[in-house]
Amino acid sequence: MEWTILAADLLPPAQPKPIPGAGPVVQTLAEYGLWILVIGGGVGFGVGAYKLGTANKGRDANGWEPFKYMGGGIAAVVIAGSLIAMINGVAG
């Protein structure tokens, strides 16, 4: 669980609420894992935007690839954000 300690510097300074009945491993993953998923979704969207700006958009190239990256990034942010909100509602 070394990566969770290193990830604490990247995450917002909020103190997560303990989830009733959750074990220590589940608690740690719920605290930091979802925030890392949000950061990963942002990176995926950024990679898609970069590919959109630099891609060959001719008929012979794959013009949809950047949109796949951006859509996956947005989906990751929305799903992780929803789960964070649900966990905070259960714990709060």
PDB file of N, CA and C in Angstrom:
ATOM      1  N   MET A   1       0.816  -1.200   0.000  1.00  0.00           N
ATOM      2  CA  MET A   1       0.000   0.000   0.000  1.00  0.00           C
ATOM      3  C   MET A   1       0.858   1.262   0.000  1.00  0.00           C
ATOM      4  N   GLU A   2       2.080   1.130  -0.469  1.00  0.00           N
ATOM      5  CA  GLU A   2       2.995   2.274  -0.535  1.00  0.00           C
ATOM      6  C   GLU A   2       2.457   3.359  -1.472  1.00  0.00           C
ATOM      7  N   TRP A   3       1.796   2.955  -2.558  1.00  0.00           N
ATOM      8  CA  TRP A   3       1.305   3.935  -3.531  1.00  0.00           C
ATOM      9  C   TRP A   3       0.224   4.828  -2.944  1.00  0.00           C
ATOM     10  N   THR A   4      -0.502   4.334  -1.968  1.00  0.00           N
ATOM     11  CA  THR A   4      -1.530   5.185  -1.370  1.00  0.00           C
ATOM     12  C   THR A   4      -0.907   6.295  -0.537  1.00  0.00           C
ATOM     13  N   ILE A   5       0.227   6.023   0.060  1.00  0.00           N
ATOM     14  CA  ILE A   5       0.914   7.067   0.831  1.00  0.00           C
ATOM     15  C   ILE A   5       1.465   8.133  -0.112  1.00  0.00           C
ATOM     16  N   LEU A   6       2.030   7.704  -1.246  1.00  0.00           N
ATOM     17  CA  LEU A   6       2.554   8.650  -2.214  1.00  0.00           C
ATOM     18  C   LEU A   6       1.440   9.440  -2.894  1.00  0.00           C
ATOM     19  N   ALA A   7       0.292   8.827  -3.085  1.00  0.00           N
ATOM     20  CA  ALA A   7      -0.824   9.501  -3.751  1.00  0.00           C
ATOM     21  C   ALA A   7      -1.466  10.554  -2.862  1.00  0.00           C
ATOM     22  N   ALA A   8      -1.238  10.501  -1.569  1.00  0.00           N
ATOM     23  CA  ALA A   8      -1.866  11.456  -0.662  1.00  0.00           C
ATOM     24  C   ALA A   8      -1.437  12.891  -0.960  1.00  0.00           C
ATOM     25  N   ASP A   9      -0.252  13.081  -1.537  1.00  0.00           N
ATOM     26  CA  ASP A   9       0.208  14.428  -1.869  1.00  0.00           C
ATOM     27  C   ASP A   9      -0.525  15.007  -3.079  1.00  0.00           C
ATOM     28  N   LEU A  10      -1.081  14.156  -3.937  1.00  0.00           N
ATOM     29  CA  LEU A  10      -1.771  14.622  -5.138  1.00  0.00           C
ATOM     30  C   LEU A  10      -3.248  14.913  -4.909  1.00  0.00           C
ATOM     31  N   LEU A  11      -3.789  14.416  -3.828  1.00  0.00           N
ATOM     32  CA  LEU A  11      -5.229  14.452  -3.624  1.00  0.00           C
ATOM     33  C   LEU A  11      -5.650  15.668  -2.801  1.00  0.00           C
ATOM     34  N   PRO A  12      -6.918  16.007  -2.856  1.00  0.00           N
ATOM     35  CA  PRO A  12      -7.406  17.139  -2.071  1.00  0.00           C
ATOM     36  C   PRO A  12      -7.162  16.921  -0.578  1.00  0.00           C
ATOM     37  N   PRO A  13      -7.018  17.988   0.187  1.00  0.00           N
ATOM     38  CA  PRO A  13      -6.690  17.842   1.609  1.00  0.00           C
ATOM     39  C   PRO A  13      -7.870  17.451   2.499  1.00  0.00           C
ATOM     40  N   ALA A  14      -8.897  16.880   1.960  1.00  0.00           N
ATOM     41  CA  ALA A  14     -10.051  16.470   2.759  1.00  0.00           C
ATOM     42  C   ALA A  14      -9.735  15.184   3.515  1.00  0.00           C
ATOM     43  N   GLN A  15     -10.308  15.028   4.685  1.00  0.00           N
ATOM     44  CA  GLN A  15     -10.171  13.798   5.461  1.00  0.00           C
ATOM     45  C   GLN A  15     -11.371  12.909   5.158  1.00  0.00           C
ATOM     46  N   PRO A  16     -11.136  11.730   4.567  1.00  0.00           N
ATOM     47  CA  PRO A  16     -12.269  10.845   4.256  1.00  0.00           C
ATOM     48  C   PRO A  16     -12.957  10.348   5.528  1.00  0.00           C
ATOM     49  N   LYS A  17     -14.257  10.158   5.427  1.00  0.00           N
ATOM     50  CA  LYS A  17     -15.023   9.638   6.559  1.00  0.00           C
ATOM     51  C   LYS A  17     -14.931   8.119   6.574  1.00  0.00           C
ATOM     52  N   PRO A  18     -14.809   7.505   7.727  1.00  0.00           N
ATOM     53  CA  PRO A  18     -14.774   6.033   7.762  1.00  0.00           C
ATOM     54  C   PRO A  18     -16.116   5.439   7.352  1.00  0.00           C
ATOM     55  N   ILE A  19     -16.055   4.362   6.604  1.00  0.00           N
ATOM     56  CA  ILE A  19     -17.260   3.679   6.140  1.00  0.00           C
ATOM     57  C   ILE A  19     -17.630   2.634   7.184  1.00  0.00           C
ATOM     58  N   PRO A  20     -18.862   2.650   7.680  1.00  0.00           N
ATOM     59  CA  PRO A  20     -19.244   1.668   8.691  1.00  0.00           C
ATOM     60  C   PRO A  20     -19.168   0.235   8.159  1.00  0.00           C
ATOM     61  N   GLY A  21     -18.488  -0.632   8.887  1.00  0.00           N
ATOM     62  CA  GLY A  21     -18.405  -2.038   8.542  1.00  0.00           C
ATOM     63  C   GLY A  21     -17.374  -2.392   7.490  1.00  0.00           C
ATOM     64  N   ALA A  22     -16.589  -1.439   7.022  1.00  0.00           N
ATOM     65  CA  ALA A  22     -15.585  -1.725   5.997  1.00  0.00           C
ATOM     66  C   ALA A  22     -14.257  -2.075   6.659  1.00  0.00           C
ATOM     67  N   GLY A  23     -13.543  -3.023   6.061  1.00  0.00           N
ATOM     68  CA  GLY A  23     -12.234  -3.404   6.562  1.00  0.00           C
ATOM     69  C   GLY A  23     -11.185  -2.365   6.207  1.00  0.00           C
ATOM     70  N   PRO A  24      -9.971  -2.506   6.737  1.00  0.00           N
ATOM     71  CA  PRO A  24      -8.941  -1.495   6.489  1.00  0.00           C
ATOM     72  C   PRO A  24      -8.502  -1.421   5.023  1.00  0.00           C
ATOM     73  N   VAL A  25      -8.468  -2.545   4.316  1.00  0.00           N
ATOM     74  CA  VAL A  25      -8.059  -2.521   2.912  1.00  0.00           C
ATOM     75  C   VAL A  25      -9.125  -1.831   2.062  1.00  0.00           C
ATOM     76  N   VAL A  26     -10.376  -2.179   2.296  1.00  0.00           N
ATOM     77  CA  VAL A  26     -11.470  -1.556   1.555  1.00  0.00           C
ATOM     78  C   VAL A  26     -11.521  -0.062   1.864  1.00  0.00           C
ATOM     79  N   GLN A  27     -11.300   0.296   3.094  1.00  0.00           N
ATOM     80  CA  GLN A  27     -11.318   1.701   3.492  1.00  0.00           C
ATOM     81  C   GLN A  27     -10.238   2.489   2.746  1.00  0.00           C
ATOM     82  N   THR A  28      -9.030   1.935   2.667  1.00  0.00           N
ATOM     83  CA  THR A  28      -7.936   2.628   1.994  1.00  0.00           C
ATOM     84  C   THR A  28      -8.205   2.772   0.506  1.00  0.00           C
ATOM     85  N   LEU A  29      -8.714   1.712  -0.116  1.00  0.00           N
ATOM     86  CA  LEU A  29      -9.023   1.797  -1.546  1.00  0.00           C
ATOM     87  C   LEU A  29     -10.148   2.792  -1.813  1.00  0.00           C
ATOM     88  N   ALA A  30     -11.137   2.842  -0.947  1.00  0.00           N
ATOM     89  CA  ALA A  30     -12.231   3.794  -1.127  1.00  0.00           C
ATOM     90  C   ALA A  30     -11.746   5.217  -0.925  1.00  0.00           C
ATOM     91  N   GLU A  31     -10.795   5.409  -0.020  1.00  0.00           N
ATOM     92  CA  GLU A  31     -10.283   6.751   0.234  1.00  0.00           C
ATOM     93  C   GLU A  31      -9.461   7.274  -0.941  1.00  0.00           C
ATOM     94  N   TYR A  32      -8.521   6.470  -1.404  1.00  0.00           N
ATOM     95  CA  TYR A  32      -7.562   6.961  -2.390  1.00  0.00           C
ATOM     96  C   TYR A  32      -7.769   6.412  -3.787  1.00  0.00           C
ATOM     97  N   GLY A  33      -8.267   5.197  -3.911  1.00  0.00           N
ATOM     98  CA  GLY A  33      -8.395   4.578  -5.223  1.00  0.00           C
ATOM     99  C   GLY A  33      -9.315   5.335  -6.160  1.00  0.00           C
ATOM    100  N   LEU A  34     -10.423   5.837  -5.647  1.00  0.00           N
ATOM    101  CA  LEU A  34     -11.364   6.557  -6.506  1.00  0.00           C
ATOM    102  C   LEU A  34     -10.806   7.909  -6.938  1.00  0.00           C
ATOM    103  N   TRP A  35     -10.054   8.557  -6.056  1.00  0.00           N
ATOM    104  CA  TRP A  35      -9.436   9.823  -6.452  1.00  0.00           C
ATOM    105  C   TRP A  35      -8.381   9.603  -7.516  1.00  0.00           C
ATOM    106  N   ILE A  36      -7.655   8.480  -7.424  1.00  0.00           N
ATOM    107  CA  ILE A  36      -6.669   8.163  -8.455  1.00  0.00           C
ATOM    108  C   ILE A  36      -7.372   7.879  -9.772  1.00  0.00           C
ATOM    109  N   LEU A  37      -8.547   7.255  -9.734  1.00  0.00           N
ATOM    110  CA  LEU A  37      -9.335   7.027 -10.943  1.00  0.00           C
ATOM    111  C   LEU A  37      -9.777   8.356 -11.564  1.00  0.00           C
ATOM    112  N   VAL A  38     -10.117   9.334 -10.751  1.00  0.00           N
ATOM    113  CA  VAL A  38     -10.489  10.653 -11.264  1.00  0.00           C
ATOM    114  C   VAL A  38      -9.292  11.296 -11.963  1.00  0.00           C
ATOM    115  N   ILE A  39      -8.120  11.206 -11.336  1.00  0.00           N
ATOM    116  CA  ILE A  39      -6.914  11.773 -11.953  1.00  0.00           C
ATOM    117  C   ILE A  39      -6.609  11.053 -13.263  1.00  0.00           C
ATOM    118  N   GLY A  40      -6.753   9.726 -13.275  1.00  0.00           N
ATOM    119  CA  GLY A  40      -6.530   8.956 -14.501  1.00  0.00           C
ATOM    120  C   GLY A  40      -7.507   9.337 -15.608  1.00  0.00           C
ATOM    121  N   GLY A  41      -8.747   9.599 -15.251  1.00  0.00           N
ATOM    122  CA  GLY A  41      -9.727  10.038 -16.241  1.00  0.00           C
ATOM    123  C   GLY A  41      -9.362  11.388 -16.836  1.00  0.00           C
ATOM    124  N   GLY A  42      -8.872  12.279 -16.000  1.00  0.00           N
ATOM    125  CA  GLY A  42      -8.409  13.576 -16.509  1.00  0.00           C
ATOM    126  C   GLY A  42      -7.235  13.432 -17.453  1.00  0.00           C
ATOM    127  N   VAL A  43      -6.325  12.530 -17.124  1.00  0.00           N
ATOM    128  CA  VAL A  43      -5.182  12.273 -17.999  1.00  0.00           C
ATOM    129  C   VAL A  43      -5.654  11.669 -19.325  1.00  0.00           C
ATOM    130  N   GLY A  44      -6.607  10.737 -19.262  1.00  0.00           N
ATOM    131  CA  GLY A  44      -7.151  10.148 -20.488  1.00  0.00           C
ATOM    132  C   GLY A  44      -7.796  11.187 -21.382  1.00  0.00           C
ATOM    133  N   PHE A  45      -8.526  12.111 -20.800  1.00  0.00           N
ATOM    134  CA  PHE A  45      -9.133  13.185 -21.578  1.00  0.00           C
ATOM    135  C   PHE A  45      -8.058  14.065 -22.197  1.00  0.00           C
ATOM    136  N   GLY A  46      -6.997  14.354 -21.418  1.00  0.00           N
ATOM    137  CA  GLY A  46      -5.906  15.175 -21.941  1.00  0.00           C
ATOM    138  C   GLY A  46      -5.175  14.503 -23.092  1.00  0.00           C
ATOM    139  N   VAL A  47      -4.949  13.204 -22.992  1.00  0.00           N
ATOM    140  CA  VAL A  47      -4.298  12.463 -24.077  1.00  0.00           C
ATOM    141  C   VAL A  47      -5.180  12.505 -25.328  1.00  0.00           C
ATOM    142  N   GLY A  48      -6.481  12.347 -25.143  1.00  0.00           N
ATOM    143  CA  GLY A  48      -7.401  12.417 -26.285  1.00  0.00           C
ATOM    144  C   GLY A  48      -7.393  13.789 -26.941  1.00  0.00           C
ATOM    145  N   ALA A  49      -7.353  14.841 -26.132  1.00  0.00           N
ATOM    146  CA  ALA A  49      -7.307  16.191 -26.688  1.00  0.00           C
ATOM    147  C   ALA A  49      -6.003  16.411 -27.455  1.00  0.00           C
ATOM    148  N   TYR A  50      -4.895  15.898 -26.922  1.00  0.00           N
ATOM    149  CA  TYR A  50      -3.614  16.015 -27.628  1.00  0.00           C
ATOM    150  C   TYR A  50      -3.649  15.252 -28.950  1.00  0.00           C
ATOM    151  N   LYS A  51      -4.194  14.028 -28.921  1.00  0.00           N
ATOM    152  CA  LYS A  51      -4.279  13.237 -30.149  1.00  0.00           C
ATOM    153  C   LYS A  51      -5.200  13.907 -31.165  1.00  0.00           C
ATOM    154  N   LEU A  52      -6.255  14.555 -30.686  1.00  0.00           N
ATOM    155  CA  LEU A  52      -7.162  15.242 -31.601  1.00  0.00           C
ATOM    156  C   LEU A  52      -6.444  16.389 -32.294  1.00  0.00           C
ATOM    157  N   GLY A  53      -5.586  17.072 -31.559  1.00  0.00           N
ATOM    158  CA  GLY A  53      -4.861  18.194 -32.147  1.00  0.00           C
ATOM    159  C   GLY A  53      -3.761  17.780 -33.100  1.00  0.00           C
ATOM    160  N   THR A  54      -3.203  16.603 -32.916  1.00  0.00           N
ATOM    161  CA  THR A  54      -2.056  16.202 -33.728  1.00  0.00           C
ATOM    162  C   THR A  54      -2.358  15.064 -34.699  1.00  0.00           C
ATOM    163  N   ALA A  55      -3.571  14.559 -34.740  1.00  0.00           N
ATOM    164  CA  ALA A  55      -3.886  13.382 -35.558  1.00  0.00           C
ATOM    165  C   ALA A  55      -4.058  13.755 -37.027  1.00  0.00           C
ATOM    166  N   ASN A  56      -3.790  12.786 -37.869  1.00  0.00           N
ATOM    167  CA  ASN A  56      -4.090  12.903 -39.292  1.00  0.00           C
ATOM    168  C   ASN A  56      -5.564  12.563 -39.460  1.00  0.00           C
ATOM    169  N   LYS A  57      -6.337  13.539 -39.849  1.00  0.00           N
ATOM    170  CA  LYS A  57      -7.781  13.340 -39.905  1.00  0.00           C
ATOM    171  C   LYS A  57      -8.281  13.000 -41.302  1.00  0.00           C
ATOM    172  N   GLY A  58      -7.403  12.502 -42.149  1.00  0.00           N
ATOM    173  CA  GLY A  58      -7.805  12.116 -43.503  1.00  0.00           C
ATOM    174  C   GLY A  58      -8.643  10.853 -43.495  1.00  0.00           C
ATOM    175  N   ARG A  59      -9.101  10.461 -44.672  1.00  0.00           N
ATOM    176  CA  ARG A  59      -9.953   9.277 -44.781  1.00  0.00           C
ATOM    177  C   ARG A  59      -9.217   7.995 -44.424  1.00  0.00           C
ATOM    178  N   ASP A  60      -7.910   7.954 -44.640  1.00  0.00           N
ATOM    179  CA  ASP A  60      -7.171   6.727 -44.378  1.00  0.00           C
ATOM    180  C   ASP A  60      -6.720   6.581 -42.926  1.00  0.00           C
ATOM    181  N   ALA A  61      -6.892   7.612 -42.116  1.00  0.00           N
ATOM    182  CA  ALA A  61      -6.462   7.556 -40.711  1.00  0.00           C
ATOM    183  C   ALA A  61      -7.655   7.252 -39.811  1.00  0.00           C
ATOM    184  N   ASN A  62      -7.360   6.929 -38.566  1.00  0.00           N
ATOM    185  CA  ASN A  62      -8.409   6.623 -37.598  1.00  0.00           C
ATOM    186  C   ASN A  62      -8.777   7.916 -36.864  1.00  0.00           C
ATOM    187  N   GLY A  63      -9.742   8.638 -37.382  1.00  0.00           N
ATOM    188  CA  GLY A  63     -10.121   9.920 -36.807  1.00  0.00           C
ATOM    189  C   GLY A  63     -10.941   9.818 -35.528  1.00  0.00           C
ATOM    190  N   TRP A  64     -11.450   8.623 -35.195  1.00  0.00           N
ATOM    191  CA  TRP A  64     -12.277   8.459 -34.004  1.00  0.00           C
ATOM    192  C   TRP A  64     -11.468   8.152 -32.753  1.00  0.00           C
ATOM    193  N   GLU A  65     -10.199   7.800 -32.915  1.00  0.00           N
ATOM    194  CA  GLU A  65      -9.400   7.379 -31.762  1.00  0.00           C
ATOM    195  C   GLU A  65      -9.321   8.444 -30.662  1.00  0.00           C
ATOM    196  N   PRO A  66      -9.084   9.726 -30.974  1.00  0.00           N
ATOM    197  CA  PRO A  66      -9.038  10.721 -29.889  1.00  0.00           C
ATOM    198  C   PRO A  66     -10.336  10.811 -29.101  1.00  0.00           C
ATOM    199  N   PHE A  67     -11.461  10.632 -29.783  1.00  0.00           N
ATOM    200  CA  PHE A  67     -12.748  10.716 -29.098  1.00  0.00           C
ATOM    201  C   PHE A  67     -12.965   9.529 -28.163  1.00  0.00           C
ATOM    202  N   LYS A  68     -12.361   8.382 -28.494  1.00  0.00           N
ATOM    203  CA  LYS A  68     -12.426   7.227 -27.597  1.00  0.00           C
ATOM    204  C   LYS A  68     -11.678   7.520 -26.297  1.00  0.00           C
ATOM    205  N   TYR A  69     -10.502   8.125 -26.420  1.00  0.00           N
ATOM    206  CA  TYR A  69      -9.743   8.493 -25.228  1.00  0.00           C
ATOM    207  C   TYR A  69     -10.505   9.514 -24.390  1.00  0.00           C
ATOM    208  N   MET A  70     -11.028  10.549 -25.046  1.00  0.00           N
ATOM    209  CA  MET A  70     -11.734  11.595 -24.304  1.00  0.00           C
ATOM    210  C   MET A  70     -13.014  11.058 -23.675  1.00  0.00           C
ATOM    211  N   GLY A  71     -13.742  10.215 -24.383  1.00  0.00           N
ATOM    212  CA  GLY A  71     -14.962   9.634 -23.826  1.00  0.00           C
ATOM    213  C   GLY A  71     -14.667   8.727 -22.639  1.00  0.00           C
ATOM    214  N   GLY A  72     -13.606   7.936 -22.751  1.00  0.00           N
ATOM    215  CA  GLY A  72     -13.215   7.082 -21.625  1.00  0.00           C
ATOM    216  C   GLY A  72     -12.788   7.889 -20.418  1.00  0.00           C
ATOM    217  N   GLY A  73     -12.080   8.992 -20.660  1.00  0.00           N
ATOM    218  CA  GLY A  73     -11.664   9.852 -19.558  1.00  0.00           C
ATOM    219  C   GLY A  73     -12.847  10.501 -18.862  1.00  0.00           C
ATOM    220  N   ILE A  74     -13.787  10.995 -19.641  1.00  0.00           N
ATOM    221  CA  ILE A  74     -14.984  11.611 -19.046  1.00  0.00           C
ATOM    222  C   ILE A  74     -15.794  10.575 -18.283  1.00  0.00           C
ATOM    223  N   ALA A  75     -15.925   9.372 -18.854  1.00  0.00           N
ATOM    224  CA  ALA A  75     -16.676   8.314 -18.171  1.00  0.00           C
ATOM    225  C   ALA A  75     -16.019   7.947 -16.844  1.00  0.00           C
ATOM    226  N   ALA A  76     -14.685   7.863 -16.818  1.00  0.00           N
ATOM    227  CA  ALA A  76     -13.981   7.539 -15.573  1.00  0.00           C
ATOM    228  C   ALA A  76     -14.203   8.614 -14.524  1.00  0.00           C
ATOM    229  N   VAL A  77     -14.153   9.876 -14.914  1.00  0.00           N
ATOM    230  CA  VAL A  77     -14.369  10.966 -13.968  1.00  0.00           C
ATOM    231  C   VAL A  77     -15.798  10.952 -13.429  1.00  0.00           C
ATOM    232  N   VAL A  78     -16.777  10.730 -14.304  1.00  0.00           N
ATOM    233  CA  VAL A  78     -18.181  10.737 -13.876  1.00  0.00           C
ATOM    234  C   VAL A  78     -18.473   9.555 -12.945  1.00  0.00           C
ATOM    235  N   ILE A  79     -17.996   8.369 -13.312  1.00  0.00           N
ATOM    236  CA  ILE A  79     -18.268   7.190 -12.479  1.00  0.00           C
ATOM    237  C   ILE A  79     -17.579   7.306 -11.124  1.00  0.00           C
ATOM    238  N   ALA A  80     -16.298   7.703 -11.128  1.00  0.00           N
ATOM    239  CA  ALA A  80     -15.581   7.837  -9.860  1.00  0.00           C
ATOM    240  C   ALA A  80     -16.188   8.950  -9.008  1.00  0.00           C
ATOM    241  N   GLY A  81     -16.574  10.043  -9.632  1.00  0.00           N
ATOM    242  CA  GLY A  81     -17.209  11.121  -8.875  1.00  0.00           C
ATOM    243  C   GLY A  81     -18.521  10.694  -8.249  1.00  0.00           C
ATOM    244  N   SER A  82     -19.295   9.905  -8.993  1.00  0.00           N
ATOM    245  CA  SER A  82     -20.558   9.388  -8.444  1.00  0.00           C
ATOM    246  C   SER A  82     -20.306   8.455  -7.267  1.00  0.00           C
ATOM    247  N   LEU A  83     -19.313   7.573  -7.410  1.00  0.00           N
ATOM    248  CA  LEU A  83     -18.997   6.654  -6.307  1.00  0.00           C
ATOM    249  C   LEU A  83     -18.484   7.399  -5.083  1.00  0.00           C
ATOM    250  N   ILE A  84     -17.686   8.432  -5.289  1.00  0.00           N
ATOM    251  CA  ILE A  84     -17.204   9.237  -4.155  1.00  0.00           C
ATOM    252  C   ILE A  84     -18.377   9.892  -3.445  1.00  0.00           C
ATOM    253  N   ALA A  85     -19.320  10.428  -4.219  1.00  0.00           N
ATOM    254  CA  ALA A  85     -20.494  11.060  -3.612  1.00  0.00           C
ATOM    255  C   ALA A  85     -21.340  10.050  -2.845  1.00  0.00           C
ATOM    256  N   MET A  86     -21.496   8.837  -3.400  1.00  0.00           N
ATOM    257  CA  MET A  86     -22.285   7.806  -2.707  1.00  0.00           C
ATOM    258  C   MET A  86     -21.607   7.359  -1.418  1.00  0.00           C
ATOM    259  N   ILE A  87     -20.297   7.166  -1.481  1.00  0.00           N
ATOM    260  CA  ILE A  87     -19.576   6.727  -0.279  1.00  0.00           C
ATOM    261  C   ILE A  87     -19.635   7.801   0.799  1.00  0.00           C
ATOM    262  N   ASN A  88     -19.498   9.055   0.399  1.00  0.00           N
ATOM    263  CA  ASN A  88     -19.602  10.127   1.398  1.00  0.00           C
ATOM    264  C   ASN A  88     -21.007  10.209   1.974  1.00  0.00           C
ATOM    265  N   GLY A  89     -22.021   9.894   1.178  1.00  0.00           N
ATOM    266  CA  GLY A  89     -23.388   9.881   1.689  1.00  0.00           C
ATOM    267  C   GLY A  89     -23.632   8.746   2.663  1.00  0.00           C
ATOM    268  N   VAL A  90     -23.033   7.578   2.377  1.00  0.00           N
ATOM    269  CA  VAL A  90     -23.187   6.438   3.280  1.00  0.00           C
ATOM    270  C   VAL A  90     -22.416   6.670   4.568  1.00  0.00           C
ATOM    271  N   ALA A  91     -21.219   7.208   4.440  1.00  0.00           N
ATOM    272  CA  ALA A  91     -20.372   7.403   5.617  1.00  0.00           C
ATOM    273  C   ALA A  91     -20.789   8.610   6.433  1.00  0.00           C
ATOM    274  N   GLY A  92     -21.440   9.570   5.791  1.00  0.00           N
ATOM    275  CA  GLY A  92     -21.756  10.812   6.481  1.00  0.00           C
ATOM    276  C   GLY A  92     -23.004  10.724   7.251  1.00  0.00           C
TER     277      GLY A  92
END
